[in-house]
């Protein structure tokens, strides 16, 4: 069950023996992808670092993951058809030609993208992705960039925000897609959806 507003999320729980410790969002995505390709259950993930880890309150200490202090949290997963090819992401999808010109799209399962607080209201277990779409003039991009670390770039009339269970997007030619910080190539169409309670993570 996804977490409801005001409800407790997860609880105490050490990483089990079959759990996999990961140090980045990209590493977590690879573990999920490999398990799915082999038609195996996705193992519990011990999060040390990355944007999902930061959102979930990870400390970066591996010894904590197998201790009584560890927390066990259900989280959602992002799925996307990139021009018909299925991929997953644990923290975020970004589609852009450049940070400085043209449209920028971000589908966030985590609150953070590097040092930026891109989706301040995002929760990784609410059954939705926070979708932000922007195509700002250069001056506004500079202003938004300076406000991103504090999450103060929104609300903004030039940044459309919505929370979605699923969405289809058409992209401009030359738009490239990044999943958890790794580029998977250019695309013209995206079909994105949140998969509730798809993962169990420990922090």
N, C-alpha and C. Protein backbone atom coordinates (compact mmCIF):
# COMPACT_ATOMS: atom_id res chain seq x y z
N UNK A 1 0.84 -1.20 0.00
CA UNK A 1 0.00 0.00 0.00
C UNK A 1 0.88 1.25 0.00
N UNK A 2 0.60 2.17 -0.91
CA UNK A 2 1.34 3.43 -0.91
C UNK A 2 0.97 4.24 0.32
N UNK A 3 1.88 5.11 0.72
CA UNK A 3 1.67 5.88 1.94
C UNK A 3 0.61 6.96 1.69
N UNK A 4 -0.23 7.18 2.69
CA UNK A 4 -1.24 8.24 2.62
C UNK A 4 -0.78 9.46 3.39
N UNK A 5 -1.41 10.58 3.11
CA UNK A 5 -1.04 11.82 3.77
C UNK A 5 -1.19 11.69 5.28
N UNK A 6 -0.12 12.02 6.01
CA UNK A 6 -0.14 11.95 7.46
C UNK A 6 0.08 10.56 8.03
N UNK A 7 0.23 9.55 7.18
CA UNK A 7 0.43 8.18 7.66
C UNK A 7 1.92 7.89 7.84
N UNK A 8 2.26 6.98 8.78
CA UNK A 8 3.67 6.59 8.92
C UNK A 8 4.13 5.82 7.69
N UNK A 9 5.42 5.95 7.39
CA UNK A 9 5.99 5.31 6.20
C UNK A 9 7.07 4.34 6.63
N UNK A 10 6.88 3.06 6.29
CA UNK A 10 7.88 2.06 6.61
C UNK A 10 8.01 1.82 8.09
N UNK A 11 9.16 1.26 8.48
CA UNK A 11 9.40 0.96 9.88
C UNK A 11 10.77 0.34 10.05
N UNK A 12 11.12 -0.03 11.27
CA UNK A 12 12.44 -0.61 11.51
C UNK A 12 12.62 -1.90 10.70
N UNK A 13 13.85 -2.13 10.23
CA UNK A 13 14.12 -3.36 9.50
C UNK A 13 15.51 -3.36 8.90
N UNK A 14 16.32 -4.33 9.30
CA UNK A 14 17.68 -4.45 8.77
C UNK A 14 17.65 -5.09 7.39
N UNK A 15 18.65 -4.77 6.58
CA UNK A 15 18.78 -5.36 5.25
C UNK A 15 19.01 -6.86 5.39
N UNK A 16 18.18 -7.70 4.74
CA UNK A 16 18.35 -9.15 4.86
C UNK A 16 19.58 -9.63 4.11
N UNK A 17 19.90 -10.91 4.29
CA UNK A 17 21.10 -11.48 3.70
C UNK A 17 21.08 -11.41 2.17
N UNK A 18 19.90 -11.51 1.58
CA UNK A 18 19.83 -11.47 0.11
C UNK A 18 19.73 -10.05 -0.42
N UNK A 19 19.84 -9.05 0.46
CA UNK A 19 19.79 -7.66 0.02
C UNK A 19 21.06 -7.25 -0.69
N UNK A 20 20.94 -6.21 -1.52
CA UNK A 20 22.06 -5.71 -2.31
C UNK A 20 22.33 -4.25 -1.92
N UNK A 21 23.56 -3.96 -1.55
CA UNK A 21 23.95 -2.60 -1.19
C UNK A 21 24.33 -1.85 -2.46
N UNK A 22 23.76 -0.65 -2.65
CA UNK A 22 24.05 0.15 -3.85
C UNK A 22 24.50 1.54 -3.43
N UNK A 23 25.40 2.10 -4.25
CA UNK A 23 25.98 3.40 -3.92
C UNK A 23 25.54 4.53 -4.82
N UNK A 24 24.58 4.29 -5.71
CA UNK A 24 24.10 5.35 -6.59
C UNK A 24 22.74 4.94 -7.15
N UNK A 25 22.03 5.93 -7.70
CA UNK A 25 20.75 5.63 -8.36
C UNK A 25 20.97 4.74 -9.58
N UNK A 26 22.03 5.01 -10.33
CA UNK A 26 22.30 4.21 -11.53
C UNK A 26 22.57 2.76 -11.16
N UNK A 27 23.29 2.54 -10.06
CA UNK A 27 23.57 1.18 -9.62
C UNK A 27 22.28 0.48 -9.20
N UNK A 28 21.41 1.19 -8.50
CA UNK A 28 20.13 0.61 -8.11
C UNK A 28 19.30 0.25 -9.34
N UNK A 29 19.31 1.13 -10.34
CA UNK A 29 18.55 0.85 -11.57
C UNK A 29 19.08 -0.40 -12.26
N UNK A 30 20.40 -0.59 -12.27
CA UNK A 30 20.96 -1.78 -12.90
C UNK A 30 20.53 -3.05 -12.17
N UNK A 31 20.48 -3.02 -10.85
CA UNK A 31 20.04 -4.19 -10.09
C UNK A 31 18.58 -4.53 -10.43
N UNK A 32 17.74 -3.50 -10.49
CA UNK A 32 16.33 -3.72 -10.83
C UNK A 32 16.20 -4.26 -12.24
N UNK A 33 16.93 -3.68 -13.18
CA UNK A 33 16.85 -4.10 -14.58
C UNK A 33 17.30 -5.55 -14.74
N UNK A 34 18.40 -5.92 -14.10
CA UNK A 34 18.91 -7.29 -14.22
C UNK A 34 17.94 -8.30 -13.63
N UNK A 35 17.33 -7.97 -12.50
CA UNK A 35 16.37 -8.88 -11.89
C UNK A 35 15.15 -9.07 -12.79
N UNK A 36 14.67 -7.99 -13.36
CA UNK A 36 13.50 -8.09 -14.23
C UNK A 36 13.81 -8.89 -15.49
N UNK A 37 14.98 -8.67 -16.08
CA UNK A 37 15.34 -9.41 -17.28
C UNK A 37 15.47 -10.90 -17.02
N UNK A 38 15.90 -11.25 -15.80
CA UNK A 38 16.04 -12.66 -15.44
C UNK A 38 14.75 -13.24 -14.86
N UNK A 39 13.70 -12.43 -14.84
CA UNK A 39 12.40 -12.85 -14.31
C UNK A 39 12.51 -13.28 -12.84
N UNK A 40 13.32 -12.53 -12.08
CA UNK A 40 13.49 -12.78 -10.66
C UNK A 40 12.89 -11.63 -9.86
N UNK A 41 12.50 -11.88 -8.62
CA UNK A 41 12.07 -10.76 -7.77
C UNK A 41 13.22 -9.78 -7.57
N UNK A 42 12.91 -8.52 -7.50
CA UNK A 42 13.93 -7.51 -7.24
C UNK A 42 14.36 -7.64 -5.77
N UNK A 43 15.66 -7.80 -5.50
CA UNK A 43 16.09 -7.95 -4.10
C UNK A 43 15.93 -6.65 -3.33
N UNK A 44 15.84 -6.74 -2.01
CA UNK A 44 15.86 -5.51 -1.20
C UNK A 44 17.16 -4.75 -1.46
N UNK A 45 17.06 -3.43 -1.47
CA UNK A 45 18.22 -2.59 -1.76
C UNK A 45 18.63 -1.81 -0.52
N UNK A 46 19.91 -1.87 -0.21
CA UNK A 46 20.47 -1.03 0.85
C UNK A 46 21.05 0.22 0.22
N UNK A 47 20.48 1.38 0.52
CA UNK A 47 20.87 2.62 -0.14
C UNK A 47 21.95 3.34 0.66
N UNK A 48 23.08 3.60 0.00
CA UNK A 48 24.16 4.36 0.62
C UNK A 48 24.20 5.80 0.13
N UNK A 49 24.02 6.00 -1.17
CA UNK A 49 24.13 7.33 -1.75
C UNK A 49 23.26 7.41 -3.00
N UNK A 50 23.08 8.64 -3.49
CA UNK A 50 22.22 8.88 -4.64
C UNK A 50 21.03 9.72 -4.24
N UNK A 51 20.25 10.13 -5.22
CA UNK A 51 19.14 11.04 -4.95
C UNK A 51 17.97 10.35 -4.27
N UNK A 52 17.71 9.08 -4.60
CA UNK A 52 16.68 8.35 -3.87
C UNK A 52 17.12 8.12 -2.43
N UNK A 53 18.40 7.77 -2.25
CA UNK A 53 18.92 7.56 -0.89
C UNK A 53 18.77 8.83 -0.05
N UNK A 54 19.12 9.97 -0.63
CA UNK A 54 19.00 11.24 0.10
C UNK A 54 17.55 11.52 0.45
N UNK A 55 16.65 11.28 -0.49
CA UNK A 55 15.23 11.50 -0.24
C UNK A 55 14.73 10.62 0.89
N UNK A 56 15.26 9.39 0.98
CA UNK A 56 14.82 8.43 1.99
C UNK A 56 15.54 8.58 3.32
N UNK A 57 16.50 9.51 3.41
CA UNK A 57 17.18 9.75 4.66
C UNK A 57 18.36 8.85 4.94
N UNK A 58 19.01 8.33 3.89
CA UNK A 58 20.17 7.46 4.07
C UNK A 58 21.32 8.22 4.73
N UNK A 59 22.12 7.50 5.50
CA UNK A 59 23.24 8.11 6.22
C UNK A 59 24.57 7.90 5.51
N UNK A 60 24.63 6.95 4.55
CA UNK A 60 25.89 6.64 3.89
C UNK A 60 26.75 5.66 4.66
N UNK A 61 26.26 5.13 5.77
CA UNK A 61 27.03 4.18 6.59
C UNK A 61 26.51 2.76 6.33
N UNK A 62 27.34 1.93 5.72
CA UNK A 62 26.90 0.58 5.36
C UNK A 62 26.61 -0.26 6.60
N UNK A 63 27.35 -0.06 7.68
CA UNK A 63 27.11 -0.87 8.88
C UNK A 63 25.71 -0.65 9.45
N UNK A 64 25.15 0.53 9.23
CA UNK A 64 23.80 0.80 9.73
C UNK A 64 22.76 -0.09 9.05
N UNK A 65 22.99 -0.41 7.77
CA UNK A 65 21.97 -1.11 6.99
C UNK A 65 21.60 -2.46 7.58
N UNK A 66 22.56 -3.12 8.23
CA UNK A 66 22.27 -4.44 8.82
C UNK A 66 22.16 -4.38 10.35
N UNK A 67 21.88 -3.19 10.85
CA UNK A 67 21.77 -3.00 12.31
C UNK A 67 20.31 -2.76 12.70
N UNK A 68 20.10 -2.68 14.01
CA UNK A 68 18.75 -2.44 14.53
C UNK A 68 18.29 -1.01 14.24
N UNK A 69 19.22 -0.14 13.81
CA UNK A 69 18.85 1.24 13.51
C UNK A 69 18.30 1.42 12.09
N UNK A 70 18.44 0.40 11.25
CA UNK A 70 18.02 0.51 9.86
C UNK A 70 16.51 0.65 9.75
N UNK A 71 16.09 1.35 8.70
CA UNK A 71 14.68 1.50 8.39
C UNK A 71 14.37 0.79 7.07
N UNK A 72 13.24 0.12 7.04
CA UNK A 72 12.75 -0.58 5.84
C UNK A 72 11.61 0.23 5.24
N UNK A 73 11.76 0.60 3.95
CA UNK A 73 10.79 1.48 3.32
C UNK A 73 10.32 0.90 1.98
N UNK A 74 9.01 0.82 1.76
CA UNK A 74 8.52 0.51 0.42
C UNK A 74 8.62 1.76 -0.46
N UNK A 75 9.05 1.60 -1.70
CA UNK A 75 9.11 2.74 -2.62
C UNK A 75 8.57 2.35 -3.99
N UNK A 76 8.17 3.36 -4.73
CA UNK A 76 7.67 3.16 -6.09
C UNK A 76 8.84 3.09 -7.06
N UNK A 77 8.52 2.71 -8.29
CA UNK A 77 9.49 2.62 -9.37
C UNK A 77 8.93 3.36 -10.57
N UNK A 78 9.78 4.01 -11.33
CA UNK A 78 9.36 4.61 -12.59
C UNK A 78 9.61 3.65 -13.75
N UNK A 79 8.63 3.53 -14.63
CA UNK A 79 8.79 2.78 -15.87
C UNK A 79 8.58 3.74 -17.03
N UNK A 80 9.33 3.55 -18.12
CA UNK A 80 9.17 4.42 -19.27
C UNK A 80 9.42 3.64 -20.55
N UNK A 81 8.55 3.84 -21.52
CA UNK A 81 8.80 3.38 -22.88
C UNK A 81 9.47 4.53 -23.62
N UNK A 82 10.73 4.36 -23.98
CA UNK A 82 11.48 5.35 -24.73
C UNK A 82 11.46 4.93 -26.20
N UNK A 83 10.60 5.58 -26.97
CA UNK A 83 10.37 5.17 -28.36
C UNK A 83 10.07 3.67 -28.45
N UNK A 84 9.26 3.18 -27.48
CA UNK A 84 8.82 1.78 -27.49
C UNK A 84 9.71 0.82 -26.74
N UNK A 85 10.89 1.26 -26.28
CA UNK A 85 11.81 0.39 -25.55
C UNK A 85 11.63 0.61 -24.05
N UNK A 86 11.39 -0.48 -23.30
CA UNK A 86 11.06 -0.37 -21.89
C UNK A 86 12.31 -0.19 -21.03
N UNK A 87 12.27 0.81 -20.14
CA UNK A 87 13.33 1.08 -19.18
C UNK A 87 12.69 1.37 -17.82
N UNK A 88 13.51 1.35 -16.78
CA UNK A 88 13.05 1.73 -15.44
C UNK A 88 13.95 2.83 -14.90
N UNK A 89 13.46 3.53 -13.89
CA UNK A 89 14.29 4.49 -13.14
C UNK A 89 13.82 4.50 -11.70
N UNK A 90 14.77 4.66 -10.79
CA UNK A 90 14.42 4.65 -9.37
C UNK A 90 14.24 6.05 -8.82
N UNK A 91 14.96 7.02 -9.36
CA UNK A 91 14.93 8.38 -8.81
C UNK A 91 14.32 9.40 -9.75
N UNK A 92 14.78 9.44 -11.03
CA UNK A 92 14.29 10.49 -11.92
C UNK A 92 14.59 10.19 -13.38
N UNK A 93 13.75 10.79 -14.20
CA UNK A 93 13.93 10.85 -15.66
C UNK A 93 14.06 12.31 -16.03
N UNK A 94 15.04 12.62 -16.88
CA UNK A 94 15.20 13.98 -17.40
C UNK A 94 15.30 13.90 -18.92
N UNK A 95 14.54 14.74 -19.60
CA UNK A 95 14.59 14.82 -21.07
C UNK A 95 14.90 16.27 -21.45
N UNK A 96 15.97 16.47 -22.23
CA UNK A 96 16.37 17.83 -22.60
C UNK A 96 17.36 17.77 -23.76
N UNK A 97 17.44 18.89 -24.48
CA UNK A 97 18.54 19.09 -25.43
C UNK A 97 19.69 19.81 -24.75
N UNK A 98 19.34 20.75 -23.89
CA UNK A 98 20.33 21.54 -23.15
C UNK A 98 19.64 22.10 -21.92
N UNK A 99 20.43 22.37 -20.87
CA UNK A 99 19.86 23.06 -19.72
C UNK A 99 19.54 24.52 -20.06
N UNK A 100 20.16 25.07 -21.13
CA UNK A 100 20.09 26.50 -21.38
C UNK A 100 19.17 26.88 -22.53
N UNK A 101 18.69 25.93 -23.32
CA UNK A 101 17.74 26.27 -24.37
C UNK A 101 16.86 25.06 -24.67
N UNK A 102 15.64 25.34 -25.08
CA UNK A 102 14.71 24.27 -25.41
C UNK A 102 13.99 23.74 -24.18
N UNK A 103 12.97 22.92 -24.41
CA UNK A 103 12.19 22.37 -23.29
C UNK A 103 13.02 21.43 -22.42
N UNK A 104 12.68 21.44 -21.14
CA UNK A 104 13.25 20.51 -20.16
C UNK A 104 12.09 19.83 -19.44
N UNK A 105 12.17 18.49 -19.35
CA UNK A 105 11.15 17.71 -18.65
C UNK A 105 11.84 16.87 -17.59
N UNK A 106 11.24 16.83 -16.39
CA UNK A 106 11.74 15.97 -15.32
C UNK A 106 10.57 15.22 -14.71
N UNK A 107 10.69 13.89 -14.63
CA UNK A 107 9.72 13.05 -13.92
C UNK A 107 10.43 12.53 -12.68
N UNK A 108 9.98 12.96 -11.51
CA UNK A 108 10.72 12.75 -10.27
C UNK A 108 10.02 11.73 -9.37
N UNK A 109 10.75 10.67 -9.02
CA UNK A 109 10.33 9.75 -7.96
C UNK A 109 11.04 10.12 -6.66
N UNK A 110 12.15 10.85 -6.78
CA UNK A 110 12.89 11.37 -5.64
C UNK A 110 12.71 12.89 -5.58
N UNK A 111 13.07 13.46 -4.47
CA UNK A 111 12.97 14.92 -4.32
C UNK A 111 14.12 15.63 -5.02
N UNK A 112 15.29 14.98 -5.05
CA UNK A 112 16.52 15.66 -5.45
C UNK A 112 17.06 15.18 -6.79
N UNK A 113 17.77 16.09 -7.46
CA UNK A 113 18.55 15.78 -8.66
C UNK A 113 19.93 16.40 -8.43
N UNK A 114 20.86 15.58 -7.97
CA UNK A 114 22.16 16.12 -7.57
C UNK A 114 21.99 17.10 -6.41
N UNK A 115 22.56 18.28 -6.55
CA UNK A 115 22.45 19.26 -5.46
C UNK A 115 21.16 20.08 -5.53
N UNK A 116 20.33 19.79 -6.53
CA UNK A 116 19.09 20.55 -6.70
C UNK A 116 17.91 19.87 -6.02
N UNK A 117 17.09 20.67 -5.35
CA UNK A 117 15.83 20.21 -4.77
C UNK A 117 14.73 20.44 -5.81
N UNK A 118 14.67 19.54 -6.79
CA UNK A 118 13.82 19.75 -7.96
C UNK A 118 12.33 19.61 -7.64
N UNK A 119 11.99 18.65 -6.80
CA UNK A 119 10.58 18.36 -6.52
C UNK A 119 10.35 18.35 -5.02
N UNK A 120 10.23 19.52 -4.40
CA UNK A 120 10.17 19.60 -2.94
C UNK A 120 9.02 18.83 -2.31
N UNK A 121 7.94 18.60 -3.08
CA UNK A 121 6.78 17.90 -2.51
C UNK A 121 6.72 16.44 -2.92
N UNK A 122 7.76 15.96 -3.61
CA UNK A 122 7.75 14.58 -4.08
C UNK A 122 7.90 13.60 -2.92
N UNK A 123 7.23 12.46 -3.05
CA UNK A 123 7.37 11.36 -2.09
C UNK A 123 7.53 10.08 -2.87
N UNK A 124 8.55 9.26 -2.55
CA UNK A 124 8.82 8.08 -3.36
C UNK A 124 7.89 6.89 -3.11
N UNK A 125 6.81 7.10 -2.36
CA UNK A 125 5.88 6.00 -2.14
C UNK A 125 4.43 6.49 -2.12
N UNK A 126 4.14 7.47 -2.98
CA UNK A 126 2.76 7.96 -3.04
C UNK A 126 2.03 7.50 -4.29
N UNK A 127 2.67 6.62 -5.09
CA UNK A 127 2.03 6.09 -6.28
C UNK A 127 1.99 7.05 -7.45
N UNK A 128 2.75 8.14 -7.35
CA UNK A 128 2.76 9.14 -8.41
C UNK A 128 4.18 9.64 -8.66
N UNK A 129 4.38 10.23 -9.83
CA UNK A 129 5.62 10.91 -10.16
C UNK A 129 5.32 12.40 -10.23
N UNK A 130 6.27 13.21 -9.79
CA UNK A 130 6.14 14.66 -9.92
C UNK A 130 6.73 15.06 -11.27
N UNK A 131 5.89 15.58 -12.15
CA UNK A 131 6.30 15.94 -13.51
C UNK A 131 6.45 17.45 -13.60
N UNK A 132 7.64 17.90 -14.01
CA UNK A 132 7.91 19.32 -14.22
C UNK A 132 8.30 19.53 -15.67
N UNK A 133 7.68 20.53 -16.32
CA UNK A 133 7.96 20.85 -17.71
C UNK A 133 8.22 22.35 -17.81
N UNK A 134 9.31 22.72 -18.46
CA UNK A 134 9.68 24.13 -18.54
C UNK A 134 10.36 24.42 -19.87
N UNK A 135 10.14 25.63 -20.35
CA UNK A 135 10.87 26.15 -21.52
C UNK A 135 11.01 27.65 -21.29
N UNK A 136 12.00 28.02 -20.49
CA UNK A 136 12.13 29.38 -19.99
C UNK A 136 13.11 30.20 -20.83
N UNK A 137 12.92 31.52 -20.87
CA UNK A 137 13.95 32.40 -21.43
C UNK A 137 15.25 32.26 -20.64
N UNK A 138 16.36 32.60 -21.27
CA UNK A 138 17.66 32.39 -20.65
C UNK A 138 17.78 33.07 -19.29
N UNK A 139 17.29 34.31 -19.19
CA UNK A 139 17.39 35.01 -17.92
C UNK A 139 16.65 34.30 -16.80
N UNK A 140 15.46 33.77 -17.13
CA UNK A 140 14.69 33.03 -16.12
C UNK A 140 15.37 31.72 -15.77
N UNK A 141 16.09 31.13 -16.72
CA UNK A 141 16.82 29.89 -16.41
C UNK A 141 17.92 30.15 -15.38
N UNK A 142 18.62 31.26 -15.53
CA UNK A 142 19.65 31.61 -14.55
C UNK A 142 19.03 31.79 -13.17
N UNK A 143 17.89 32.46 -13.12
CA UNK A 143 17.23 32.69 -11.83
C UNK A 143 16.77 31.37 -11.22
N UNK A 144 16.15 30.51 -12.05
CA UNK A 144 15.67 29.22 -11.56
C UNK A 144 16.83 28.36 -11.07
N UNK A 145 17.94 28.38 -11.81
CA UNK A 145 19.11 27.58 -11.42
C UNK A 145 19.64 28.00 -10.05
N UNK A 146 19.64 29.30 -9.78
CA UNK A 146 20.14 29.77 -8.49
C UNK A 146 19.21 29.39 -7.35
N UNK A 147 17.93 29.14 -7.68
CA UNK A 147 16.95 28.82 -6.63
C UNK A 147 16.77 27.32 -6.45
N UNK A 148 17.26 26.52 -7.38
CA UNK A 148 17.06 25.07 -7.33
C UNK A 148 17.63 24.40 -6.07
N UNK A 149 18.81 24.76 -5.59
CA UNK A 149 19.32 24.07 -4.40
C UNK A 149 18.38 24.15 -3.20
N UNK A 150 17.61 25.23 -3.09
CA UNK A 150 16.70 25.40 -1.96
C UNK A 150 15.27 25.00 -2.30
N UNK A 151 15.04 24.55 -3.53
CA UNK A 151 13.68 24.18 -3.93
C UNK A 151 12.76 25.37 -4.10
N UNK A 152 13.34 26.57 -4.31
CA UNK A 152 12.55 27.80 -4.40
C UNK A 152 12.24 28.19 -5.83
N UNK A 153 12.50 27.32 -6.80
CA UNK A 153 12.23 27.61 -8.21
C UNK A 153 10.76 27.48 -8.56
N UNK A 154 10.00 26.82 -7.70
CA UNK A 154 8.56 26.67 -7.90
C UNK A 154 7.84 27.21 -6.67
N UNK A 155 6.63 27.74 -6.86
CA UNK A 155 5.90 27.88 -8.14
C UNK A 155 6.49 28.98 -9.02
N UNK A 156 6.33 28.77 -10.34
CA UNK A 156 6.79 29.72 -11.36
C UNK A 156 5.86 29.59 -12.55
N UNK A 157 5.40 30.71 -13.12
CA UNK A 157 4.44 30.63 -14.23
C UNK A 157 4.98 29.90 -15.45
N UNK A 158 6.31 29.82 -15.58
CA UNK A 158 6.89 29.14 -16.74
C UNK A 158 7.26 27.69 -16.48
N UNK A 159 6.99 27.20 -15.27
CA UNK A 159 7.27 25.81 -14.92
C UNK A 159 5.96 25.12 -14.58
N UNK A 160 5.55 24.19 -15.43
CA UNK A 160 4.30 23.45 -15.19
C UNK A 160 4.60 22.26 -14.28
N UNK A 161 3.83 22.15 -13.21
CA UNK A 161 3.98 21.05 -12.27
C UNK A 161 2.69 20.25 -12.21
N UNK A 162 2.83 18.94 -12.21
CA UNK A 162 1.68 18.09 -11.95
C UNK A 162 2.16 16.76 -11.40
N UNK A 163 1.29 16.10 -10.69
CA UNK A 163 1.60 14.79 -10.11
C UNK A 163 0.79 13.76 -10.88
N UNK A 164 1.49 12.78 -11.44
CA UNK A 164 0.85 11.87 -12.39
C UNK A 164 1.10 10.42 -12.01
N UNK A 165 0.10 9.57 -12.32
CA UNK A 165 0.30 8.12 -12.26
C UNK A 165 0.90 7.62 -13.57
N UNK A 166 0.51 8.27 -14.66
CA UNK A 166 1.02 7.91 -15.98
C UNK A 166 0.87 9.12 -16.90
N UNK A 167 1.76 9.20 -17.91
CA UNK A 167 1.69 10.32 -18.84
C UNK A 167 2.42 9.93 -20.12
N UNK A 168 1.95 10.47 -21.24
CA UNK A 168 2.61 10.29 -22.52
C UNK A 168 3.09 11.66 -23.00
N UNK A 169 4.32 11.70 -23.51
CA UNK A 169 4.92 12.96 -23.94
C UNK A 169 5.53 12.81 -25.31
N UNK A 170 5.36 13.85 -26.13
CA UNK A 170 6.06 13.94 -27.41
C UNK A 170 7.20 14.94 -27.24
N UNK A 171 8.37 14.57 -27.70
CA UNK A 171 9.57 15.39 -27.52
C UNK A 171 10.01 16.01 -28.83
N UNK A 172 10.70 17.14 -28.72
CA UNK A 172 11.25 17.80 -29.90
C UNK A 172 12.43 16.99 -30.44
N UNK A 173 12.68 17.07 -31.73
CA UNK A 173 13.84 16.37 -32.30
C UNK A 173 15.13 16.76 -31.58
N UNK A 174 15.99 15.78 -31.36
CA UNK A 174 17.26 16.04 -30.70
C UNK A 174 17.21 15.98 -29.18
N UNK A 175 16.04 15.69 -28.61
CA UNK A 175 15.93 15.60 -27.15
C UNK A 175 16.51 14.27 -26.67
N UNK A 176 17.37 14.36 -25.67
CA UNK A 176 17.99 13.16 -25.11
C UNK A 176 17.38 12.87 -23.74
N UNK A 177 17.42 11.60 -23.37
CA UNK A 177 16.76 11.14 -22.15
C UNK A 177 17.81 10.57 -21.19
N UNK A 178 17.75 11.04 -19.95
CA UNK A 178 18.61 10.53 -18.88
C UNK A 178 17.75 9.82 -17.85
N UNK A 179 18.17 8.62 -17.46
CA UNK A 179 17.50 7.87 -16.40
C UNK A 179 18.49 7.67 -15.25
N UNK A 180 18.16 8.21 -14.11
CA UNK A 180 19.03 8.12 -12.94
C UNK A 180 20.45 8.57 -13.25
N UNK A 181 20.55 9.61 -14.06
CA UNK A 181 21.83 10.22 -14.36
C UNK A 181 22.58 9.62 -15.53
N UNK A 182 22.04 8.58 -16.17
CA UNK A 182 22.70 7.95 -17.30
C UNK A 182 21.89 8.19 -18.58
N UNK A 183 22.56 8.63 -19.63
CA UNK A 183 21.87 8.91 -20.89
C UNK A 183 21.56 7.61 -21.61
N UNK A 184 20.29 7.46 -22.01
CA UNK A 184 19.89 6.27 -22.78
C UNK A 184 19.68 6.61 -24.25
N UNK A 185 19.96 7.87 -24.63
CA UNK A 185 19.90 8.25 -26.03
C UNK A 185 18.78 9.21 -26.35
N UNK A 186 18.65 9.59 -27.62
CA UNK A 186 17.58 10.50 -28.03
C UNK A 186 16.25 9.77 -28.14
N UNK A 187 15.17 10.54 -28.08
CA UNK A 187 13.83 9.95 -28.18
C UNK A 187 12.86 10.99 -28.70
N UNK A 188 11.77 10.52 -29.29
CA UNK A 188 10.68 11.40 -29.73
C UNK A 188 9.42 11.21 -28.90
N UNK A 189 9.24 10.00 -28.31
CA UNK A 189 8.04 9.77 -27.50
C UNK A 189 8.41 9.06 -26.20
N UNK A 190 7.71 9.43 -25.14
CA UNK A 190 7.87 8.80 -23.84
C UNK A 190 6.51 8.42 -23.30
N UNK A 191 6.38 7.20 -22.80
CA UNK A 191 5.20 6.76 -22.04
C UNK A 191 5.70 6.40 -20.65
N UNK A 192 5.35 7.22 -19.66
CA UNK A 192 5.92 7.12 -18.31
C UNK A 192 4.82 6.72 -17.34
N UNK A 193 5.16 5.85 -16.39
CA UNK A 193 4.19 5.53 -15.35
C UNK A 193 4.90 5.19 -14.06
N UNK A 194 4.20 5.40 -12.95
CA UNK A 194 4.68 5.01 -11.63
C UNK A 194 4.17 3.61 -11.32
N UNK A 195 5.06 2.76 -10.79
CA UNK A 195 4.67 1.42 -10.35
C UNK A 195 4.71 1.43 -8.82
N UNK A 196 3.55 1.46 -8.17
CA UNK A 196 3.53 1.60 -6.71
C UNK A 196 4.14 0.39 -6.00
N UNK A 197 4.83 0.66 -4.91
CA UNK A 197 5.34 -0.39 -4.02
C UNK A 197 6.18 -1.44 -4.75
N UNK A 198 6.92 -1.03 -5.76
CA UNK A 198 7.68 -1.98 -6.58
C UNK A 198 8.98 -2.42 -5.92
N UNK A 199 9.51 -1.61 -5.00
CA UNK A 199 10.80 -1.88 -4.39
C UNK A 199 10.71 -1.80 -2.87
N UNK A 200 11.66 -2.48 -2.22
CA UNK A 200 11.87 -2.31 -0.80
C UNK A 200 13.31 -1.84 -0.62
N UNK A 201 13.47 -0.72 0.10
CA UNK A 201 14.81 -0.20 0.35
C UNK A 201 15.05 -0.10 1.84
N UNK A 202 16.34 -0.13 2.21
CA UNK A 202 16.74 0.00 3.60
C UNK A 202 17.74 1.13 3.72
N UNK A 203 17.58 1.96 4.74
CA UNK A 203 18.48 3.09 4.95
C UNK A 203 18.91 3.15 6.41
